[in-house]
């Protein structure tokens, strides 16, 4: 569940989500007609990004988003679902979508 969601004039959406040990969709509801997603790790835990069957180890291990304030920008549309997971505990992420 999102901690907070802010929409700026329908072209930019800002969301903060807690990621846990089960894969969570980032964001829960994508911005319609989105063109890119910026994700920033606010925690000291490593976050893994990928498909719904993402893992923290092995061949399903996704993109590694290291500790606090590291970030990644992905040029993906609203038809692409992105998931996050951590090995233990929880981690907050900021997601900014643009169109």
PDB file of N, CA and C in Angstrom:
ATOM      1  N   UNK A   1       0.836  -1.188   0.000  1.00  0.00           N
ATOM      2  CA  UNK A   1       0.000   0.000   0.000  1.00  0.00           C
ATOM      3  C   UNK A   1       0.881   1.252   0.000  1.00  0.00           C
ATOM      4  N   UNK A   2       0.499   2.242  -0.779  1.00  0.00           N
ATOM      5  CA  UNK A   2       1.250   3.489  -0.779  1.00  0.00           C
ATOM      6  C   UNK A   2       1.189   4.187   0.577  1.00  0.00           C
ATOM      7  N   UNK A   3       2.289   4.785   0.966  1.00  0.00           N
ATOM      8  CA  UNK A   3       2.319   5.609   2.162  1.00  0.00           C
ATOM      9  C   UNK A   3       1.752   6.982   1.824  1.00  0.00           C
ATOM     10  N   UNK A   4       2.099   7.489   0.639  1.00  0.00           N
ATOM     11  CA  UNK A   4       1.606   8.786   0.190  1.00  0.00           C
ATOM     12  C   UNK A   4       1.614   8.821  -1.333  1.00  0.00           C
ATOM     13  N   UNK A   5       0.648   9.516  -1.917  1.00  0.00           N
ATOM     14  CA  UNK A   5       0.597   9.706  -3.361  1.00  0.00           C
ATOM     15  C   UNK A   5       0.215  11.152  -3.650  1.00  0.00           C
ATOM     16  N   UNK A   6       0.970  11.797  -4.542  1.00  0.00           N
ATOM     17  CA  UNK A   6       0.692  13.165  -4.947  1.00  0.00           C
ATOM     18  C   UNK A   6       0.708  13.201  -6.475  1.00  0.00           C
ATOM     19  N   UNK A   7      -0.330  13.803  -7.094  1.00  0.00           N
ATOM     20  CA  UNK A   7      -0.376  13.951  -8.544  1.00  0.00           C
ATOM     21  C   UNK A   7      -0.258  15.436  -8.866  1.00  0.00           C
ATOM     22  N   UNK A   8       0.727  15.783  -9.709  1.00  0.00           N
ATOM     23  CA  UNK A   8       0.940  17.160 -10.120  1.00  0.00           C
ATOM     24  C   UNK A   8       0.383  17.341 -11.520  1.00  0.00           C
ATOM     25  N   UNK A   9      -0.634  18.113 -11.686  1.00  0.00           N
ATOM     26  CA  UNK A   9      -1.301  18.467 -12.946  1.00  0.00           C
ATOM     27  C   UNK A   9      -1.397  17.317 -13.946  1.00  0.00           C
ATOM     28  N   UNK A  10      -1.611  16.128 -13.488  1.00  0.00           N
ATOM     29  CA  UNK A  10      -1.868  14.895 -14.256  1.00  0.00           C
ATOM     30  C   UNK A  10      -0.698  14.403 -15.102  1.00  0.00           C
ATOM     31  N   UNK A  11       0.472  15.065 -15.062  1.00  0.00           N
ATOM     32  CA  UNK A  11       1.623  14.612 -15.840  1.00  0.00           C
ATOM     33  C   UNK A  11       2.731  14.013 -14.995  1.00  0.00           C
ATOM     34  N   UNK A  12       2.678  14.251 -13.690  1.00  0.00           N
ATOM     35  CA  UNK A  12       3.690  13.734 -12.772  1.00  0.00           C
ATOM     36  C   UNK A  12       2.993  13.172 -11.544  1.00  0.00           C
ATOM     37  N   UNK A  13       3.381  11.956 -11.165  1.00  0.00           N
ATOM     38  CA  UNK A  13       2.800  11.314  -9.984  1.00  0.00           C
ATOM     39  C   UNK A  13       3.934  10.886  -9.057  1.00  0.00           C
ATOM     40  N   UNK A  14       3.833  11.255  -7.802  1.00  0.00           N
ATOM     41  CA  UNK A  14       4.850  10.987  -6.785  1.00  0.00           C
ATOM     42  C   UNK A  14       4.232  10.066  -5.738  1.00  0.00           C
ATOM     43  N   UNK A  15       4.870   8.914  -5.480  1.00  0.00           N
ATOM     44  CA  UNK A  15       4.355   7.939  -4.522  1.00  0.00           C
ATOM     45  C   UNK A  15       5.494   7.441  -3.643  1.00  0.00           C
ATOM     46  N   UNK A  16       5.191   7.191  -2.366  1.00  0.00           N
ATOM     47  CA  UNK A  16       6.139   6.540  -1.464  1.00  0.00           C
ATOM     48  C   UNK A  16       5.522   5.212  -1.041  1.00  0.00           C
ATOM     49  N   UNK A  17       6.273   4.117  -1.216  1.00  0.00           N
ATOM     50  CA  UNK A  17       5.773   2.774  -0.922  1.00  0.00           C
ATOM     51  C   UNK A  17       6.788   2.032  -0.067  1.00  0.00           C
ATOM     52  N   UNK A  18       6.293   1.226   0.873  1.00  0.00           N
ATOM     53  CA  UNK A  18       7.149   0.327   1.651  1.00  0.00           C
ATOM     54  C   UNK A  18       7.273  -0.998   0.919  1.00  0.00           C
ATOM     55  N   UNK A  19       8.496  -1.444   0.732  1.00  0.00           N
ATOM     56  CA  UNK A  19       8.786  -2.722   0.070  1.00  0.00           C
ATOM     57  C   UNK A  19       9.191  -3.712   1.149  1.00  0.00           C
ATOM     58  N   UNK A  20       8.656  -4.931   1.084  1.00  0.00           N
ATOM     59  CA  UNK A  20       8.975  -5.957   2.070  1.00  0.00           C
ATOM     60  C   UNK A  20       9.547  -7.205   1.426  1.00  0.00           C
ATOM     61  N   UNK A  21       9.448  -8.321   2.146  1.00  0.00           N
ATOM     62  CA  UNK A  21      10.032  -9.588   1.695  1.00  0.00           C
ATOM     63  C   UNK A  21       9.156 -10.314   0.673  1.00  0.00           C
ATOM     64  N   UNK A  22       7.957  -9.817   0.430  1.00  0.00           N
ATOM     65  CA  UNK A  22       7.103 -10.319  -0.654  1.00  0.00           C
ATOM     66  C   UNK A  22       7.085  -9.246  -1.741  1.00  0.00           C
ATOM     67  N   UNK A  23       7.126  -9.657  -3.002  1.00  0.00           N
ATOM     68  CA  UNK A  23       7.153  -8.702  -4.115  1.00  0.00           C
ATOM     69  C   UNK A  23       5.947  -7.774  -4.056  1.00  0.00           C
ATOM     70  N   UNK A  24       6.208  -6.473  -4.228  1.00  0.00           N
ATOM     71  CA  UNK A  24       5.153  -5.464  -4.226  1.00  0.00           C
ATOM     72  C   UNK A  24       5.246  -4.662  -5.522  1.00  0.00           C
ATOM     73  N   UNK A  25       4.089  -4.378  -6.117  1.00  0.00           N
ATOM     74  CA  UNK A  25       4.042  -3.637  -7.373  1.00  0.00           C
ATOM     75  C   UNK A  25       4.411  -2.174  -7.115  1.00  0.00           C
ATOM     76  N   UNK A  26       5.293  -1.646  -7.972  1.00  0.00           N
ATOM     77  CA  UNK A  26       5.780  -0.275  -7.854  1.00  0.00           C
ATOM     78  C   UNK A  26       5.436   0.533  -9.092  1.00  0.00           C
ATOM     79  N   UNK A  27       4.540   1.444  -9.043  1.00  0.00           N
ATOM     80  CA  UNK A  27       3.593   1.724  -7.988  1.00  0.00           C
ATOM     81  C   UNK A  27       2.397   0.782  -8.085  1.00  0.00           C
ATOM     82  N   UNK A  28       1.539   0.831  -7.090  1.00  0.00           N
ATOM     83  CA  UNK A  28       0.358  -0.042  -7.068  1.00  0.00           C
ATOM     84  C   UNK A  28      -0.527   0.211  -8.282  1.00  0.00           C
ATOM     85  N   UNK A  29      -0.753   1.481  -8.607  1.00  0.00           N
ATOM     86  CA  UNK A  29      -1.533   1.868  -9.790  1.00  0.00           C
ATOM     87  C   UNK A  29      -0.687   2.825 -10.620  1.00  0.00           C
ATOM     88  N   UNK A  30      -0.234   2.405 -11.808  1.00  0.00           N
ATOM     89  CA  UNK A  30       0.620   3.272 -12.637  1.00  0.00           C
ATOM     90  C   UNK A  30      -0.119   4.513 -13.141  1.00  0.00           C
ATOM     91  N   UNK A  31       0.631   5.583 -13.366  1.00  0.00           N
ATOM     92  CA  UNK A  31       0.110   6.778 -13.995  1.00  0.00           C
ATOM     93  C   UNK A  31      -0.256   6.442 -15.438  1.00  0.00           C
ATOM     94  N   UNK A  32      -1.480   6.771 -15.836  1.00  0.00           N
ATOM     95  CA  UNK A  32      -1.927   6.481 -17.203  1.00  0.00           C
ATOM     96  C   UNK A  32      -1.026   7.176 -18.219  1.00  0.00           C
ATOM     97  N   UNK A  33      -0.632   6.446 -19.240  1.00  0.00           N
ATOM     98  CA  UNK A  33       0.207   6.943 -20.331  1.00  0.00           C
ATOM     99  C   UNK A  33       1.612   7.358 -19.876  1.00  0.00           C
ATOM    100  N   UNK A  34       2.077   6.755 -18.804  1.00  0.00           N
ATOM    101  CA  UNK A  34       3.405   7.062 -18.279  1.00  0.00           C
ATOM    102  C   UNK A  34       4.472   6.724 -19.322  1.00  0.00           C
ATOM    103  N   UNK A  35       5.559   7.495 -19.275  1.00  0.00           N
ATOM    104  CA  UNK A  35       6.688   7.262 -20.180  1.00  0.00           C
ATOM    105  C   UNK A  35       7.947   6.847 -19.418  1.00  0.00           C
ATOM    106  N   UNK A  36       8.079   7.285 -18.158  1.00  0.00           N
ATOM    107  CA  UNK A  36       9.254   6.904 -17.380  1.00  0.00           C
ATOM    108  C   UNK A  36       8.930   6.842 -15.895  1.00  0.00           C
ATOM    109  N   UNK A  37       9.795   6.109 -15.183  1.00  0.00           N
ATOM    110  CA  UNK A  37       9.657   5.931 -13.739  1.00  0.00           C
ATOM    111  C   UNK A  37      11.023   6.170 -13.088  1.00  0.00           C
ATOM    112  N   UNK A  38      11.048   7.033 -12.087  1.00  0.00           N
ATOM    113  CA  UNK A  38      12.235   7.282 -11.271  1.00  0.00           C
ATOM    114  C   UNK A  38      11.973   6.618  -9.925  1.00  0.00           C
ATOM    115  N   UNK A  39      12.919   5.801  -9.453  1.00  0.00           N
ATOM    116  CA  UNK A  39      12.769   5.122  -8.164  1.00  0.00           C
ATOM    117  C   UNK A  39      13.990   5.414  -7.317  1.00  0.00           C
ATOM    118  N   UNK A  40      13.748   5.870  -6.082  1.00  0.00           N
ATOM    119  CA  UNK A  40      14.837   6.176  -5.150  1.00  0.00           C
ATOM    120  C   UNK A  40      14.662   5.366  -3.877  1.00  0.00           C
ATOM    121  N   UNK A  41      15.724   4.720  -3.456  1.00  0.00           N
ATOM    122  CA  UNK A  41      15.752   3.917  -2.235  1.00  0.00           C
ATOM    123  C   UNK A  41      16.001   4.836  -1.045  1.00  0.00           C
ATOM    124  N   UNK A  42      15.061   4.892  -0.096  1.00  0.00           N
ATOM    125  CA  UNK A  42      15.215   5.741   1.085  1.00  0.00           C
ATOM    126  C   UNK A  42      15.771   4.990   2.286  1.00  0.00           C
ATOM    127  N   UNK A  43      16.021   3.702   2.132  1.00  0.00           N
ATOM    128  CA  UNK A  43      16.416   2.869   3.270  1.00  0.00           C
ATOM    129  C   UNK A  43      17.898   2.494   3.211  1.00  0.00           C
ATOM    130  N   UNK A  44      18.335   1.776   4.239  1.00  0.00           N
ATOM    131  CA  UNK A  44      19.697   1.251   4.245  1.00  0.00           C
ATOM    132  C   UNK A  44      19.750  -0.169   3.698  1.00  0.00           C
ATOM    133  N   UNK A  45      18.596  -0.715   3.293  1.00  0.00           N
ATOM    134  CA  UNK A  45      18.520  -2.064   2.718  1.00  0.00           C
ATOM    135  C   UNK A  45      18.658  -2.019   1.200  1.00  0.00           C
ATOM    136  N   UNK A  46      19.153  -3.101   0.620  1.00  0.00           N
ATOM    137  CA  UNK A  46      19.199  -3.249  -0.836  1.00  0.00           C
ATOM    138  C   UNK A  46      17.799  -3.637  -1.311  1.00  0.00           C
ATOM    139  N   UNK A  47      17.337  -2.989  -2.372  1.00  0.00           N
ATOM    140  CA  UNK A  47      16.044  -3.310  -2.985  1.00  0.00           C
ATOM    141  C   UNK A  47      16.319  -3.917  -4.351  1.00  0.00           C
ATOM    142  N   UNK A  48      15.567  -4.950  -4.691  1.00  0.00           N
ATOM    143  CA  UNK A  48      15.685  -5.603  -5.991  1.00  0.00           C
ATOM    144  C   UNK A  48      14.434  -5.277  -6.790  1.00  0.00           C
ATOM    145  N   UNK A  49      14.609  -4.891  -8.059  1.00  0.00           N
ATOM    146  CA  UNK A  49      13.510  -4.510  -8.940  1.00  0.00           C
ATOM    147  C   UNK A  49      13.409  -5.488 -10.091  1.00  0.00           C
ATOM    148  N   UNK A  50      12.183  -5.868 -10.456  1.00  0.00           N
ATOM    149  CA  UNK A  50      12.000  -6.772 -11.581  1.00  0.00           C
ATOM    150  C   UNK A  50      10.548  -7.141 -11.792  1.00  0.00           C
ATOM    151  N   UNK A  51      10.320  -8.342 -12.325  1.00  0.00           N
ATOM    152  CA  UNK A  51       8.977  -8.836 -12.615  1.00  0.00           C
ATOM    153  C   UNK A  51       8.321  -9.376 -11.344  1.00  0.00           C
ATOM    154  N   UNK A  52       7.079  -9.824 -11.463  1.00  0.00           N
ATOM    155  CA  UNK A  52       6.305 -10.248 -10.289  1.00  0.00           C
ATOM    156  C   UNK A  52       6.912 -11.436  -9.551  1.00  0.00           C
ATOM    157  N   UNK A  53       7.712 -12.251 -10.237  1.00  0.00           N
ATOM    158  CA  UNK A  53       8.338 -13.411  -9.596  1.00  0.00           C
ATOM    159  C   UNK A  53       9.782 -13.127  -9.167  1.00  0.00           C
ATOM    160  N   UNK A  54      10.073 -11.874  -8.916  1.00  0.00           N
ATOM    161  CA  UNK A  54      11.414 -11.448  -8.531  1.00  0.00           C
ATOM    162  C   UNK A  54      11.872 -12.120  -7.236  1.00  0.00           C
ATOM    163  N   UNK A  55      13.185 -12.279  -7.125  1.00  0.00           N
ATOM    164  CA  UNK A  55      13.804 -12.864  -5.939  1.00  0.00           C
ATOM    165  C   UNK A  55      14.999 -12.010  -5.541  1.00  0.00           C
ATOM    166  N   UNK A  56      15.502 -12.228  -4.338  1.00  0.00           N
ATOM    167  CA  UNK A  56      16.701 -11.511  -3.900  1.00  0.00           C
ATOM    168  C   UNK A  56      17.979 -12.291  -4.203  1.00  0.00           C
ATOM    169  N   UNK A  57      17.822 -13.528  -4.709  1.00  0.00           N
ATOM    170  CA  UNK A  57      18.973 -14.373  -5.061  1.00  0.00           C
ATOM    171  C   UNK A  57      18.679 -15.147  -6.332  1.00  0.00           C
ATOM    172  N   UNK A  58      19.713 -15.731  -6.904  1.00  0.00           N
ATOM    173  CA  UNK A  58      19.543 -16.636  -8.039  1.00  0.00           C
ATOM    174  C   UNK A  58      19.203 -15.948  -9.344  1.00  0.00           C
ATOM    175  N   UNK A  59      18.692 -16.732 -10.284  1.00  0.00           N
ATOM    176  CA  UNK A  59      18.444 -16.227 -11.633  1.00  0.00           C
ATOM    177  C   UNK A  59      17.279 -15.249 -11.724  1.00  0.00           C
ATOM    178  N   UNK A  60      16.394 -15.188 -10.747  1.00  0.00           N
ATOM    179  CA  UNK A  60      15.269 -14.256 -10.754  1.00  0.00           C
ATOM    180  C   UNK A  60      15.593 -12.966  -9.999  1.00  0.00           C
ATOM    181  N   UNK A  61      16.871 -12.831  -9.579  1.00  0.00           N
ATOM    182  CA  UNK A  61      17.278 -11.602  -8.904  1.00  0.00           C
ATOM    183  C   UNK A  61      17.227 -10.449  -9.895  1.00  0.00           C
ATOM    184  N   UNK A  62      16.620  -9.352  -9.487  1.00  0.00           N
ATOM    185  CA  UNK A  62      16.414  -8.237 -10.399  1.00  0.00           C
ATOM    186  C   UNK A  62      17.495  -7.184 -10.354  1.00  0.00           C
ATOM    187  N   UNK A  63      17.145  -6.004 -10.813  1.00  0.00           N
ATOM    188  CA  UNK A  63      18.036  -4.855 -10.783  1.00  0.00           C
ATOM    189  C   UNK A  63      18.299  -4.516  -9.328  1.00  0.00           C
ATOM    190  N   UNK A  64      19.553  -4.340  -8.978  1.00  0.00           N
ATOM    191  CA  UNK A  64      19.924  -4.019  -7.595  1.00  0.00           C
ATOM    192  C   UNK A  64      19.882  -2.506  -7.408  1.00  0.00           C
ATOM    193  N   UNK A  65      19.117  -2.071  -6.431  1.00  0.00           N
ATOM    194  CA  UNK A  65      19.072  -0.662  -6.057  1.00  0.00           C
ATOM    195  C   UNK A  65      19.673  -0.565  -4.658  1.00  0.00           C
ATOM    196  N   UNK A  66      20.978  -0.222  -4.585  1.00  0.00           N
ATOM    197  CA  UNK A  66      21.682  -0.240  -3.303  1.00  0.00           C
ATOM    198  C   UNK A  66      21.066   0.701  -2.263  1.00  0.00           C
ATOM    199  N   UNK A  67      21.776   0.832  -1.166  1.00  0.00           N
ATOM    200  CA  UNK A  67      21.261   1.542   0.003  1.00  0.00           C
ATOM    201  C   UNK A  67      20.955   3.011  -0.247  1.00  0.00           C
ATOM    202  N   UNK A  68      20.556   3.624   0.792  1.00  0.00           N
ATOM    203  CA  UNK A  68      20.006   4.959   0.903  1.00  0.00           C
ATOM    204  C   UNK A  68      20.384   5.947  -0.191  1.00  0.00           C
ATOM    205  N   UNK A  69      19.343   6.460  -0.820  1.00  0.00           N
ATOM    206  CA  UNK A  69      19.383   7.533  -1.811  1.00  0.00           C
ATOM    207  C   UNK A  69      19.934   7.135  -3.172  1.00  0.00           C
ATOM    208  N   UNK A  70      20.242   5.858  -3.385  1.00  0.00           N
ATOM    209  CA  UNK A  70      20.552   5.433  -4.743  1.00  0.00           C
ATOM    210  C   UNK A  70      19.250   5.422  -5.529  1.00  0.00           C
ATOM    211  N   UNK A  71      19.359   5.608  -6.842  1.00  0.00           N
ATOM    212  CA  UNK A  71      18.140   5.691  -7.645  1.00  0.00           C
ATOM    213  C   UNK A  71      18.369   5.142  -9.044  1.00  0.00           C
ATOM    214  N   UNK A  72      17.255   4.931  -9.731  1.00  0.00           N
ATOM    215  CA  UNK A  72      17.279   4.459 -11.115  1.00  0.00           C
ATOM    216  C   UNK A  72      16.095   5.090 -11.842  1.00  0.00           C
ATOM    217  N   UNK A  73      16.290   5.417 -13.124  1.00  0.00           N
ATOM    218  CA  UNK A  73      15.202   5.888 -13.972  1.00  0.00           C
ATOM    219  C   UNK A  73      15.024   4.887 -15.098  1.00  0.00           C
ATOM    220  N   UNK A  74      13.790   4.430 -15.289  1.00  0.00           N
ATOM    221  CA  UNK A  74      13.471   3.451 -16.325  1.00  0.00           C
ATOM    222  C   UNK A  74      12.466   4.054 -17.296  1.00  0.00           C
ATOM    223  N   UNK A  75      12.739   3.934 -18.582  1.00  0.00           N
ATOM    224  CA  UNK A  75      11.804   4.395 -19.607  1.00  0.00           C
ATOM    225  C   UNK A  75      10.837   3.263 -19.914  1.00  0.00           C
ATOM    226  N   UNK A  76       9.782   3.172 -19.104  1.00  0.00           N
ATOM    227  CA  UNK A  76       8.777   2.119 -19.280  1.00  0.00           C
ATOM    228  C   UNK A  76       7.387   2.720 -19.223  1.00  0.00           C
ATOM    229  N   UNK A  77       6.505   2.210 -20.070  1.00  0.00           N
ATOM    230  CA  UNK A  77       5.136   2.686 -20.126  1.00  0.00           C
ATOM    231  C   UNK A  77       4.264   2.097 -19.032  1.00  0.00           C
ATOM    232  N   UNK A  78       3.006   2.544 -18.998  1.00  0.00           N
ATOM    233  CA  UNK A  78       2.090   2.094 -17.954  1.00  0.00           C
ATOM    234  C   UNK A  78       1.646   0.644 -18.132  1.00  0.00           C
ATOM    235  N   UNK A  79       1.972   0.025 -19.255  1.00  0.00           N
ATOM    236  CA  UNK A  79       1.649  -1.378 -19.477  1.00  0.00           C
ATOM    237  C   UNK A  79       2.689  -2.335 -18.915  1.00  0.00           C
ATOM    238  N   UNK A  80       3.775  -1.786 -18.407  1.00  0.00           N
ATOM    239  CA  UNK A  80       4.846  -2.607 -17.823  1.00  0.00           C
ATOM    240  C   UNK A  80       4.735  -2.542 -16.305  1.00  0.00           C
ATOM    241  N   UNK A  81       4.557  -3.705 -15.673  1.00  0.00           N
ATOM    242  CA  UNK A  81       4.483  -3.764 -14.219  1.00  0.00           C
ATOM    243  C   UNK A  81       5.874  -4.005 -13.648  1.00  0.00           C
ATOM    244  N   UNK A  82       6.242  -3.222 -12.652  1.00  0.00           N
ATOM    245  CA  UNK A  82       7.532  -3.311 -11.998  1.00  0.00           C
ATOM    246  C   UNK A  82       7.304  -3.673 -10.534  1.00  0.00           C
ATOM    247  N   UNK A  83       8.129  -4.573 -10.003  1.00  0.00           N
ATOM    248  CA  UNK A  83       7.976  -5.039  -8.621  1.00  0.00           C
ATOM    249  C   UNK A  83       9.280  -4.842  -7.871  1.00  0.00           C
ATOM    250  N   UNK A  84       9.159  -4.711  -6.550  1.00  0.00           N
ATOM    251  CA  UNK A  84      10.317  -4.588  -5.687  1.00  0.00           C
ATOM    252  C   UNK A  84      10.234  -5.575  -4.536  1.00  0.00           C
ATOM    253  N   UNK A  85      11.401  -5.945  -4.009  1.00  0.00           N
ATOM    254  CA  UNK A  85      11.487  -6.880  -2.891  1.00  0.00           C
ATOM    255  C   UNK A  85      12.787  -6.607  -2.130  1.00  0.00           C
ATOM    256  N   UNK A  86      12.797  -6.915  -0.830  1.00  0.00           N
ATOM    257  CA  UNK A  86      14.015  -6.845  -0.022  1.00  0.00           C
ATOM    258  C   UNK A  86      14.256  -8.202   0.615  1.00  0.00           C
ATOM    259  N   UNK A  87      15.488  -8.470   1.029  1.00  0.00           N
ATOM    260  CA  UNK A  87      15.833  -9.761   1.630  1.00  0.00           C
ATOM    261  C   UNK A  87      15.253  -9.904   3.036  1.00  0.00           C
ATOM    262  N   UNK A  88      15.179  -8.796   3.782  1.00  0.00           N
ATOM    263  CA  UNK A  88      14.595  -8.842   5.123  1.00  0.00           C
ATOM    264  C   UNK A  88      14.110  -7.457   5.510  1.00  0.00           C
ATOM    265  N   UNK A  89      13.140  -7.406   6.395  1.00  0.00           N
ATOM    266  CA  UNK A  89      12.606  -6.131   6.866  1.00  0.00           C
ATOM    267  C   UNK A  89      11.778  -5.423   5.814  1.00  0.00           C
ATOM    268  N   UNK A  90      11.817  -4.097   5.854  1.00  0.00           N
ATOM    269  CA  UNK A  90      11.105  -3.269   4.879  1.00  0.00           C
ATOM    270  C   UNK A  90      12.007  -2.116   4.451  1.00  0.00           C
ATOM    271  N   UNK A  91      11.667  -1.536   3.316  1.00  0.00           N
ATOM    272  CA  UNK A  91      12.406  -0.389   2.799  1.00  0.00           C
ATOM    273  C   UNK A  91      11.430   0.540   2.089  1.00  0.00           C
ATOM    274  N   UNK A  92      11.519   1.812   2.356  1.00  0.00           N
ATOM    275  CA  UNK A  92      10.672   2.794   1.671  1.00  0.00           C
ATOM    276  C   UNK A  92      11.335   3.254   0.381  1.00  0.00           C
ATOM    277  N   UNK A  93      10.526   3.415  -0.669  1.00  0.00           N
ATOM    278  CA  UNK A  93      11.013   3.917  -1.945  1.00  0.00           C
ATOM    279  C   UNK A  93      10.141   5.077  -2.394  1.00  0.00           C
ATOM    280  N   UNK A  94      10.772   6.051  -3.051  1.00  0.00           N
ATOM    281  CA  UNK A  94      10.060   7.135  -3.702  1.00  0.00           C
ATOM    282  C   UNK A  94       9.942   6.761  -5.171  1.00  0.00           C
ATOM    283  N   UNK A  95       8.750   6.918  -5.722  1.00  0.00           N
ATOM    284  CA  UNK A  95       8.508   6.641  -7.133  1.00  0.00           C
ATOM    285  C   UNK A  95       7.935   7.910  -7.757  1.00  0.00           C
ATOM    286  N   UNK A  96       8.579   8.379  -8.830  1.00  0.00           N
ATOM    287  CA  UNK A  96       8.073   9.528  -9.562  1.00  0.00           C
ATOM    288  C   UNK A  96       7.853   9.071 -10.999  1.00  0.00           C
ATOM    289  N   UNK A  97       6.595   9.133 -11.442  1.00  0.00           N
ATOM    290  CA  UNK A  97       6.244   8.753 -12.816  1.00  0.00           C
ATOM    291  C   UNK A  97       5.952  10.015 -13.615  1.00  0.00           C
ATOM    292  N   UNK A  98       6.347  10.015 -14.885  1.00  0.00           N
ATOM    293  CA  UNK A  98       6.079  11.158 -15.747  1.00  0.00           C
ATOM    294  C   UNK A  98       5.507  10.701 -17.077  1.00  0.00           C
ATOM    295  N   UNK A  99       4.771  11.617 -17.701  1.00  0.00           N
ATOM    296  CA  UNK A  99       4.251  11.327 -19.042  1.00  0.00           C
ATOM    297  C   UNK A  99       4.412  12.533 -19.934  1.00  0.00           C
TER     298      UNK A  99
END
